[in-house]
Amino acid sequence: MPKTTQLRTYTVREGLLDEWVERWRTEIVPLRLALGFTIDGAWVDRARNQFMWLISYDGPEPFTDRNALYWASPERKVMNLDPGDYLLHTDDRTVEPQL
């Protein structure tokens, strides 16, 4: 399968941006990496209360299948992390490099 990269932009609930980033960094990122994803960068736009990150997968199955594996994993379930507690809106876009 060809490499798939998604640009994910999350609008975070007021006052929870730093907490979201910390949980993303300490809980989500390690599991994503363990499942073969790469994190190509992450940014915060404090003026808009947004968090943006690039996630890629370059493995034998499609990104969507690997993403489903992440969500179904026992490790994800024990996080006790409901994105709806933090995120007001998400925008996931599959992007291609042009440089």
Protein backbone atom coordinates (compact mmCIF):
# COMPACT_ATOMS: atom_id res chain seq x y z
CA MET A 1 0.00 0.00 0.00
CA PRO A 2 1.22 3.54 -0.67
CA LYS A 3 1.97 5.81 2.27
CA THR A 4 -1.08 7.71 3.53
CA THR A 5 -0.78 10.96 5.46
CA GLN A 6 -3.59 12.76 7.22
CA LEU A 7 -3.62 16.34 8.45
CA ARG A 8 -5.86 16.42 11.49
CA THR A 9 -7.16 19.68 12.91
CA TYR A 10 -9.02 19.61 16.21
CA THR A 11 -10.88 22.50 17.81
CA VAL A 12 -10.49 21.94 21.54
CA ARG A 13 -12.90 22.97 24.28
CA GLU A 14 -11.99 26.22 26.02
CA GLY A 15 -9.46 25.70 28.81
CA LEU A 16 -8.55 22.12 27.83
CA LEU A 17 -5.93 22.65 25.11
CA ASP A 18 -2.88 21.97 27.28
CA GLU A 19 -4.52 18.96 28.94
CA TRP A 20 -5.48 17.56 25.52
CA VAL A 21 -1.93 18.00 24.19
CA GLU A 22 -0.46 16.26 27.23
CA ARG A 23 -2.82 13.29 26.93
CA TRP A 24 -2.18 13.11 23.17
CA ARG A 25 1.58 13.16 23.76
CA THR A 26 1.67 10.62 26.61
CA GLU A 27 -1.16 8.25 25.66
CA ILE A 28 -2.11 8.49 21.99
CA VAL A 29 1.31 8.96 20.40
CA PRO A 30 3.00 5.91 22.01
CA LEU A 31 0.18 3.61 20.92
CA ARG A 32 0.09 5.05 17.40
CA LEU A 33 3.86 4.53 17.09
CA ALA A 34 3.59 0.97 18.46
CA LEU A 35 1.01 0.21 15.75
CA GLY A 36 3.30 1.41 12.97
CA PHE A 37 2.08 4.97 12.44
CA THR A 38 4.46 7.90 12.23
CA ILE A 39 3.80 11.36 13.60
CA ASP A 40 5.17 13.91 11.17
CA GLY A 41 4.57 17.00 13.29
CA ALA A 42 2.15 18.67 15.69
CA TRP A 43 1.22 22.29 16.30
CA VAL A 44 -1.00 24.39 18.55
CA ASP A 45 -2.89 27.50 17.42
CA ARG A 46 -3.79 29.07 20.74
CA ALA A 47 -5.71 31.96 19.18
CA ARG A 48 -8.18 29.49 17.67
CA ASN A 49 -7.91 26.86 20.42
CA GLN A 50 -6.82 24.32 17.80
CA PHE A 51 -4.44 21.41 17.70
CA MET A 52 -3.08 20.15 14.37
CA TRP A 53 -0.99 17.09 13.61
CA LEU A 54 0.23 14.97 10.73
CA ILE A 55 -0.09 11.21 11.02
CA SER A 56 1.14 8.72 8.40
CA TYR A 57 0.98 5.01 7.80
CA ASP A 58 3.09 3.13 5.28
CA GLY A 59 2.30 -0.52 5.96
CA PRO A 60 0.81 -3.55 4.28
CA GLU A 61 -2.86 -2.66 4.85
CA PRO A 62 -4.80 0.53 4.12
CA PHE A 63 -4.65 3.43 6.57
CA THR A 64 -8.34 2.97 7.36
CA ASP A 65 -7.82 -0.66 8.41
CA ARG A 66 -4.85 0.21 10.60
CA ASN A 67 -6.78 3.11 12.12
CA ALA A 68 -9.64 0.74 12.97
CA LEU A 69 -7.11 -1.55 14.65
CA TYR A 70 -5.96 1.39 16.79
CA TRP A 71 -9.51 2.18 17.91
CA ALA A 72 -10.32 -1.48 18.64
CA SER A 73 -7.10 -2.18 20.55
CA PRO A 74 -7.28 -3.04 24.25
CA GLU A 75 -4.64 -0.35 24.91
CA ARG A 76 -6.92 2.32 23.41
CA LYS A 77 -9.90 1.12 25.40
CA VAL A 78 -8.08 1.36 28.77
CA MET A 79 -7.06 4.97 28.11
CA ASN A 80 -10.51 6.05 29.23
CA LEU A 81 -10.14 8.94 26.80
CA ASP A 82 -13.29 10.08 25.04
CA PRO A 83 -12.33 12.63 22.36
CA GLY A 84 -15.73 14.28 22.81
CA ASP A 85 -14.70 15.35 26.31
CA TYR A 86 -12.00 17.54 24.73
CA LEU A 87 -12.83 18.17 21.08
CA LEU A 88 -15.59 20.36 19.69
CA HIS A 89 -14.76 19.71 16.05
CA THR A 90 -12.38 17.53 14.05
CA ASP A 91 -11.26 17.87 10.45
CA ASP A 92 -9.25 14.98 8.99
CA ARG A 93 -7.81 15.41 5.51
CA THR A 94 -5.72 12.99 3.50
CA VAL A 95 -2.88 15.02 2.01
CA GLU A 96 -0.01 14.45 -0.42
CA PRO A 97 3.42 16.09 -0.29
CA GLN A 98 4.30 18.41 -3.15
CA LEU A 99 7.95 19.16 -2.43
